[in-house]
Amino acid sequence: MDIRDLEEMSIGDSRNTFLCNIMKSDRKFQSEQEELEYLKTTKPFLCEEILSCYTFLEENGMLSRYFQERDAFC
């Protein structure tokens, strides 16, 4: 799944849009302070998103497989 796929999902539309905006790699900052503020603001949201995904995977018996696949790419 990439950002375009996430944007097209109808579930949690505003949340998906927000997440997609966070993940855009072409974002430019006017200063280091602006970038730092952006990172401070988005970090909790991204952490919550990751933990939600982990919870879903665990509840569906897929978390250990995910970790195995993830670790195979590192």
PDB file of N, CA and C in Angstrom:
ATOM      1  N   MET A   1       0.849  -1.180   0.000  1.00  0.00           N
ATOM      2  CA  MET A   1       0.000   0.000   0.000  1.00  0.00           C
ATOM      3  C   MET A   1       0.890   1.237   0.000  1.00  0.00           C
ATOM      4  N   ASP A   2       0.530   2.212  -0.820  1.00  0.00           N
ATOM      5  CA  ASP A   2       1.259   3.468  -0.789  1.00  0.00           C
ATOM      6  C   ASP A   2       0.301   4.597  -0.427  1.00  0.00           C
ATOM      7  N   ILE A   3       0.787   5.802  -0.435  1.00  0.00           N
ATOM      8  CA  ILE A   3      -0.012   6.944  -0.004  1.00  0.00           C
ATOM      9  C   ILE A   3      -1.265   7.093  -0.854  1.00  0.00           C
ATOM     10  N   ARG A   4      -1.151   6.882  -2.166  1.00  0.00           N
ATOM     11  CA  ARG A   4      -2.325   7.017  -3.047  1.00  0.00           C
ATOM     12  C   ARG A   4      -3.419   6.028  -2.661  1.00  0.00           C
ATOM     13  N   ASP A   5      -3.029   4.801  -2.310  1.00  0.00           N
ATOM     14  CA  ASP A   5      -4.019   3.802  -1.891  1.00  0.00           C
ATOM     15  C   ASP A   5      -4.736   4.256  -0.623  1.00  0.00           C
ATOM     16  N   LEU A   6      -3.981   4.791   0.310  1.00  0.00           N
ATOM     17  CA  LEU A   6      -4.562   5.242   1.572  1.00  0.00           C
ATOM     18  C   LEU A   6      -5.518   6.399   1.333  1.00  0.00           C
ATOM     19  N   GLU A   7      -5.166   7.317   0.456  1.00  0.00           N
ATOM     20  CA  GLU A   7      -6.028   8.455   0.164  1.00  0.00           C
ATOM     21  C   GLU A   7      -7.358   8.013  -0.433  1.00  0.00           C
ATOM     22  N   GLU A   8      -7.371   6.920  -1.173  1.00  0.00           N
ATOM     23  CA  GLU A   8      -8.578   6.459  -1.848  1.00  0.00           C
ATOM     24  C   GLU A   8      -9.513   5.660  -0.936  1.00  0.00           C
ATOM     25  N   MET A   9      -9.039   5.260   0.237  1.00  0.00           N
ATOM     26  CA  MET A   9      -9.884   4.498   1.151  1.00  0.00           C
ATOM     27  C   MET A   9     -10.943   5.414   1.753  1.00  0.00           C
ATOM     28  N   SER A  10     -12.166   4.922   1.879  1.00  0.00           N
ATOM     29  CA  SER A  10     -13.252   5.754   2.397  1.00  0.00           C
ATOM     30  C   SER A  10     -13.352   5.711   3.920  1.00  0.00           C
ATOM     31  N   ILE A  11     -12.768   4.706   4.550  1.00  0.00           N
ATOM     32  CA  ILE A  11     -12.848   4.573   6.005  1.00  0.00           C
ATOM     33  C   ILE A  11     -11.966   5.632   6.656  1.00  0.00           C
ATOM     34  N   GLY A  12     -12.517   6.386   7.581  1.00  0.00           N
ATOM     35  CA  GLY A  12     -11.742   7.396   8.290  1.00  0.00           C
ATOM     36  C   GLY A  12     -11.149   8.429   7.355  1.00  0.00           C
ATOM     37  N   ASP A  13     -11.968   8.930   6.440  1.00  0.00           N
ATOM     38  CA  ASP A  13     -11.487   9.778   5.361  1.00  0.00           C
ATOM     39  C   ASP A  13     -10.609  10.933   5.829  1.00  0.00           C
ATOM     40  N   SER A  14     -11.048  11.696   6.819  1.00  0.00           N
ATOM     41  CA  SER A  14     -10.252  12.835   7.258  1.00  0.00           C
ATOM     42  C   SER A  14      -8.958  12.373   7.921  1.00  0.00           C
ATOM     43  N   ARG A  15      -9.014  11.261   8.618  1.00  0.00           N
ATOM     44  CA  ARG A  15      -7.805  10.707   9.249  1.00  0.00           C
ATOM     45  C   ARG A  15      -6.826  10.244   8.179  1.00  0.00           C
ATOM     46  N   ASN A  16      -7.340   9.591   7.131  1.00  0.00           N
ATOM     47  CA  ASN A  16      -6.473   9.152   6.040  1.00  0.00           C
ATOM     48  C   ASN A  16      -5.827  10.336   5.343  1.00  0.00           C
ATOM     49  N   THR A  17      -6.590  11.379   5.116  1.00  0.00           N
ATOM     50  CA  THR A  17      -6.043  12.576   4.475  1.00  0.00           C
ATOM     51  C   THR A  17      -4.938  13.172   5.336  1.00  0.00           C
ATOM     52  N   PHE A  18      -5.187  13.258   6.639  1.00  0.00           N
ATOM     53  CA  PHE A  18      -4.185  13.793   7.558  1.00  0.00           C
ATOM     54  C   PHE A  18      -2.923  12.938   7.537  1.00  0.00           C
ATOM     55  N   LEU A  19      -3.099  11.624   7.598  1.00  0.00           N
ATOM     56  CA  LEU A  19      -1.958  10.709   7.571  1.00  0.00           C
ATOM     57  C   LEU A  19      -1.177  10.847   6.268  1.00  0.00           C
ATOM     58  N   CYS A  20      -1.881  10.937   5.166  1.00  0.00           N
ATOM     59  CA  CYS A  20      -1.214  11.085   3.867  1.00  0.00           C
ATOM     60  C   CYS A  20      -0.409  12.379   3.811  1.00  0.00           C
ATOM     61  N   ASN A  21      -0.962  13.439   4.345  1.00  0.00           N
ATOM     62  CA  ASN A  21      -0.232  14.710   4.360  1.00  0.00           C
ATOM     63  C   ASN A  21       1.028  14.625   5.213  1.00  0.00           C
ATOM     64  N   ILE A  22       0.959  13.899   6.314  1.00  0.00           N
ATOM     65  CA  ILE A  22       2.134  13.725   7.167  1.00  0.00           C
ATOM     66  C   ILE A  22       3.239  12.978   6.418  1.00  0.00           C
ATOM     67  N   MET A  23       2.855  11.983   5.636  1.00  0.00           N
ATOM     68  CA  MET A  23       3.840  11.103   5.003  1.00  0.00           C
ATOM     69  C   MET A  23       4.411  11.651   3.692  1.00  0.00           C
ATOM     70  N   LYS A  24       3.925  12.759   3.206  1.00  0.00           N
ATOM     71  CA  LYS A  24       4.448  13.300   1.953  1.00  0.00           C
ATOM     72  C   LYS A  24       5.911  13.677   2.120  1.00  0.00           C
ATOM     73  N   SER A  25       6.706  13.249   1.162  1.00  0.00           N
ATOM     74  CA  SER A  25       8.150  13.474   1.261  1.00  0.00           C
ATOM     75  C   SER A  25       8.598  14.783   0.610  1.00  0.00           C
ATOM     76  N   ASP A  26       7.706  15.486  -0.041  1.00  0.00           N
ATOM     77  CA  ASP A  26       8.095  16.717  -0.727  1.00  0.00           C
ATOM     78  C   ASP A  26       7.833  17.978   0.107  1.00  0.00           C
ATOM     79  N   ARG A  27       7.553  17.788   1.385  1.00  0.00           N
ATOM     80  CA  ARG A  27       7.266  18.922   2.264  1.00  0.00           C
ATOM     81  C   ARG A  27       8.523  19.773   2.459  1.00  0.00           C
ATOM     82  N   LYS A  28       8.342  21.085   2.375  1.00  0.00           N
ATOM     83  CA  LYS A  28       9.442  22.031   2.570  1.00  0.00           C
ATOM     84  C   LYS A  28       9.154  22.877   3.812  1.00  0.00           C
ATOM     85  N   PHE A  29      10.205  23.208   4.527  1.00  0.00           N
ATOM     86  CA  PHE A  29      10.067  24.015   5.736  1.00  0.00           C
ATOM     87  C   PHE A  29      10.838  25.313   5.570  1.00  0.00           C
ATOM     88  N   GLN A  30      10.307  26.358   6.179  1.00  0.00           N
ATOM     89  CA  GLN A  30      10.952  27.671   6.097  1.00  0.00           C
ATOM     90  C   GLN A  30      12.139  27.792   7.055  1.00  0.00           C
ATOM     91  N   SER A  31      12.120  26.971   8.104  1.00  0.00           N
ATOM     92  CA  SER A  31      13.197  27.043   9.093  1.00  0.00           C
ATOM     93  C   SER A  31      13.304  25.704   9.816  1.00  0.00           C
ATOM     94  N   GLU A  32      14.399  25.541  10.536  1.00  0.00           N
ATOM     95  CA  GLU A  32      14.565  24.335  11.352  1.00  0.00           C
ATOM     96  C   GLU A  32      13.531  24.305  12.469  1.00  0.00           C
ATOM     97  N   GLN A  33      13.186  25.474  12.990  1.00  0.00           N
ATOM     98  CA  GLN A  33      12.187  25.545  14.058  1.00  0.00           C
ATOM     99  C   GLN A  33      10.821  25.072  13.551  1.00  0.00           C
ATOM    100  N   GLU A  34      10.472  25.458  12.343  1.00  0.00           N
ATOM    101  CA  GLU A  34       9.209  25.013  11.757  1.00  0.00           C
ATOM    102  C   GLU A  34       9.206  23.493  11.564  1.00  0.00           C
ATOM    103  N   GLU A  35      10.323  22.955  11.098  1.00  0.00           N
ATOM    104  CA  GLU A  35      10.428  21.512  10.916  1.00  0.00           C
ATOM    105  C   GLU A  35      10.344  20.784  12.254  1.00  0.00           C
ATOM    106  N   LEU A  36      11.017  21.301  13.263  1.00  0.00           N
ATOM    107  CA  LEU A  36      10.975  20.692  14.590  1.00  0.00           C
ATOM    108  C   LEU A  36       9.555  20.688  15.143  1.00  0.00           C
ATOM    109  N   GLU A  37       8.846  21.780  14.993  1.00  0.00           N
ATOM    110  CA  GLU A  37       7.467  21.865  15.464  1.00  0.00           C
ATOM    111  C   GLU A  37       6.587  20.855  14.727  1.00  0.00           C
ATOM    112  N   TYR A  38       6.796  20.715  13.445  1.00  0.00           N
ATOM    113  CA  TYR A  38       6.058  19.739  12.641  1.00  0.00           C
ATOM    114  C   TYR A  38       6.315  18.321  13.139  1.00  0.00           C
ATOM    115  N   LEU A  39       7.573  18.008  13.392  1.00  0.00           N
ATOM    116  CA  LEU A  39       7.920  16.670  13.873  1.00  0.00           C
ATOM    117  C   LEU A  39       7.333  16.400  15.254  1.00  0.00           C
ATOM    118  N   LYS A  40       7.372  17.390  16.116  1.00  0.00           N
ATOM    119  CA  LYS A  40       6.791  17.231  17.456  1.00  0.00           C
ATOM    120  C   LYS A  40       5.286  17.011  17.386  1.00  0.00           C
ATOM    121  N   THR A  41       4.638  17.669  16.455  1.00  0.00           N
ATOM    122  CA  THR A  41       3.195  17.578  16.315  1.00  0.00           C
ATOM    123  C   THR A  41       2.759  16.247  15.723  1.00  0.00           C
ATOM    124  N   THR A  42       3.506  15.765  14.756  1.00  0.00           N
ATOM    125  CA  THR A  42       3.088  14.554  14.049  1.00  0.00           C
ATOM    126  C   THR A  42       3.534  13.257  14.715  1.00  0.00           C
ATOM    127  N   LYS A  43       4.570  13.290  15.521  1.00  0.00           N
ATOM    128  CA  LYS A  43       5.077  12.069  16.139  1.00  0.00           C
ATOM    129  C   LYS A  43       4.008  11.326  16.949  1.00  0.00           C
ATOM    130  N   PRO A  44       3.261  11.987  17.829  1.00  0.00           N
ATOM    131  CA  PRO A  44       2.241  11.249  18.600  1.00  0.00           C
ATOM    132  C   PRO A  44       1.191  10.592  17.698  1.00  0.00           C
ATOM    133  N   PHE A  45       0.789  11.282  16.653  1.00  0.00           N
ATOM    134  CA  PHE A  45      -0.197  10.722  15.736  1.00  0.00           C
ATOM    135  C   PHE A  45       0.342   9.467  15.059  1.00  0.00           C
ATOM    136  N   LEU A  46       1.582   9.530  14.582  1.00  0.00           N
ATOM    137  CA  LEU A  46       2.176   8.371  13.914  1.00  0.00           C
ATOM    138  C   LEU A  46       2.378   7.209  14.887  1.00  0.00           C
ATOM    139  N   CYS A  47       2.766   7.506  16.109  1.00  0.00           N
ATOM    140  CA  CYS A  47       2.907   6.447  17.119  1.00  0.00           C
ATOM    141  C   CYS A  47       1.568   5.779  17.388  1.00  0.00           C
ATOM    142  N   GLU A  48       0.514   6.573  17.514  1.00  0.00           N
ATOM    143  CA  GLU A  48      -0.825   6.022  17.743  1.00  0.00           C
ATOM    144  C   GLU A  48      -1.258   5.156  16.558  1.00  0.00           C
ATOM    145  N   GLU A  49      -0.938   5.600  15.354  1.00  0.00           N
ATOM    146  CA  GLU A  49      -1.302   4.843  14.157  1.00  0.00           C
ATOM    147  C   GLU A  49      -0.592   3.487  14.131  1.00  0.00           C
ATOM    148  N   ILE A  50       0.684   3.481  14.459  1.00  0.00           N
ATOM    149  CA  ILE A  50       1.456   2.230  14.476  1.00  0.00           C
ATOM    150  C   ILE A  50       0.909   1.284  15.546  1.00  0.00           C
ATOM    151  N   LEU A  51       0.641   1.810  16.729  1.00  0.00           N
ATOM    152  CA  LEU A  51       0.109   0.966  17.799  1.00  0.00           C
ATOM    153  C   LEU A  51      -1.267   0.412  17.450  1.00  0.00           C
ATOM    154  N   SER A  52      -2.084   1.200  16.769  1.00  0.00           N
ATOM    155  CA  SER A  52      -3.393   0.710  16.313  1.00  0.00           C
ATOM    156  C   SER A  52      -3.228  -0.440  15.330  1.00  0.00           C
ATOM    157  N   CYS A  53      -2.275  -0.299  14.425  1.00  0.00           N
ATOM    158  CA  CYS A  53      -2.012  -1.371  13.456  1.00  0.00           C
ATOM    159  C   CYS A  53      -1.521  -2.630  14.167  1.00  0.00           C
ATOM    160  N   TYR A  54      -0.612  -2.464  15.114  1.00  0.00           N
ATOM    161  CA  TYR A  54      -0.106  -3.614  15.867  1.00  0.00           C
ATOM    162  C   TYR A  54      -1.238  -4.324  16.602  1.00  0.00           C
ATOM    163  N   THR A  55      -2.135  -3.546  17.208  1.00  0.00           N
ATOM    164  CA  THR A  55      -3.266  -4.123  17.935  1.00  0.00           C
ATOM    165  C   THR A  55      -4.148  -4.920  16.988  1.00  0.00           C
ATOM    166  N   PHE A  56      -4.446  -4.355  15.823  1.00  0.00           N
ATOM    167  CA  PHE A  56      -5.262  -5.056  14.841  1.00  0.00           C
ATOM    168  C   PHE A  56      -4.589  -6.355  14.406  1.00  0.00           C
ATOM    169  N   LEU A  57      -3.301  -6.286  14.096  1.00  0.00           N
ATOM    170  CA  LEU A  57      -2.584  -7.489  13.670  1.00  0.00           C
ATOM    171  C   LEU A  57      -2.566  -8.544  14.769  1.00  0.00           C
ATOM    172  N   GLU A  58      -2.355  -8.114  16.011  1.00  0.00           N
ATOM    173  CA  GLU A  58      -2.333  -9.064  17.123  1.00  0.00           C
ATOM    174  C   GLU A  58      -3.691  -9.727  17.318  1.00  0.00           C
ATOM    175  N   GLU A  59      -4.755  -8.936  17.256  1.00  0.00           N
ATOM    176  CA  GLU A  59      -6.106  -9.467  17.439  1.00  0.00           C
ATOM    177  C   GLU A  59      -6.483 -10.462  16.336  1.00  0.00           C
ATOM    178  N   ASN A  60      -5.838 -10.363  15.203  1.00  0.00           N
ATOM    179  CA  ASN A  60      -6.132 -11.243  14.079  1.00  0.00           C
ATOM    180  C   ASN A  60      -5.040 -12.287  13.853  1.00  0.00           C
ATOM    181  N   GLY A  61      -4.175 -12.462  14.859  1.00  0.00           N
ATOM    182  CA  GLY A  61      -3.160 -13.503  14.821  1.00  0.00           C
ATOM    183  C   GLY A  61      -2.085 -13.315  13.764  1.00  0.00           C
ATOM    184  N   MET A  62      -1.826 -12.055  13.389  1.00  0.00           N
ATOM    185  CA  MET A  62      -0.865 -11.796  12.318  1.00  0.00           C
ATOM    186  C   MET A  62       0.367 -11.006  12.757  1.00  0.00           C
ATOM    187  N   LEU A  63       0.450 -10.631  14.016  1.00  0.00           N
ATOM    188  CA  LEU A  63       1.527  -9.753  14.456  1.00  0.00           C
ATOM    189  C   LEU A  63       2.897 -10.412  14.349  1.00  0.00           C
ATOM    190  N   SER A  64       3.014 -11.649  14.797  1.00  0.00           N
ATOM    191  CA  SER A  64       4.328 -12.303  14.741  1.00  0.00           C
ATOM    192  C   SER A  64       4.773 -12.489  13.286  1.00  0.00           C
ATOM    193  N   ARG A  65       3.841 -12.796  12.406  1.00  0.00           N
ATOM    194  CA  ARG A  65       4.196 -12.931  10.984  1.00  0.00           C
ATOM    195  C   ARG A  65       4.652 -11.595  10.417  1.00  0.00           C
ATOM    196  N   TYR A  66       3.973 -10.532  10.803  1.00  0.00           N
ATOM    197  CA  TYR A  66       4.386  -9.201  10.362  1.00  0.00           C
ATOM    198  C   TYR A  66       5.814  -8.920  10.801  1.00  0.00           C
ATOM    199  N   PHE A  67       6.126  -9.197  12.076  1.00  0.00           N
ATOM    200  CA  PHE A  67       7.483  -8.947  12.565  1.00  0.00           C
ATOM    201  C   PHE A  67       8.508  -9.789  11.803  1.00  0.00           C
ATOM    202  N   GLN A  68       8.167 -11.024  11.505  1.00  0.00           N
ATOM    203  CA  GLN A  68       9.086 -11.880  10.733  1.00  0.00           C
ATOM    204  C   GLN A  68       9.332 -11.288   9.354  1.00  0.00           C
ATOM    205  N   GLU A  69       8.275 -10.873   8.686  1.00  0.00           N
ATOM    206  CA  GLU A  69       8.421 -10.291   7.353  1.00  0.00           C
ATOM    207  C   GLU A  69       9.206  -8.984   7.409  1.00  0.00           C
ATOM    208  N   ARG A  70       8.883  -8.148   8.389  1.00  0.00           N
ATOM    209  CA  ARG A  70       9.576  -6.864   8.541  1.00  0.00           C
ATOM    210  C   ARG A  70      11.058  -7.075   8.780  1.00  0.00           C
ATOM    211  N   ASP A  71      11.382  -7.999   9.673  1.00  0.00           N
ATOM    212  CA  ASP A  71      12.781  -8.247  10.016  1.00  0.00           C
ATOM    213  C   ASP A  71      13.553  -8.863   8.856  1.00  0.00           C
ATOM    214  N   ALA A  72      12.866  -9.551   7.969  1.00  0.00           N
ATOM    215  CA  ALA A  72      13.525 -10.146   6.804  1.00  0.00           C
ATOM    216  C   ALA A  72      14.018  -9.061   5.838  1.00  0.00           C
ATOM    217  N   PHE A  73      13.384  -7.886   5.871  1.00  0.00           N
ATOM    218  CA  PHE A  73      13.783  -6.810   4.970  1.00  0.00           C
ATOM    219  C   PHE A  73      14.901  -5.947   5.536  1.00  0.00           C
ATOM    220  N   CYS A  74      15.188  -6.107   6.805  1.00  0.00           N
ATOM    221  CA  CYS A  74      16.224  -5.261   7.450  1.00  0.00           C
ATOM    222  C   CYS A  74      17.601  -5.886   7.324  1.00  0.00           C
TER     223      CYS A  74
END
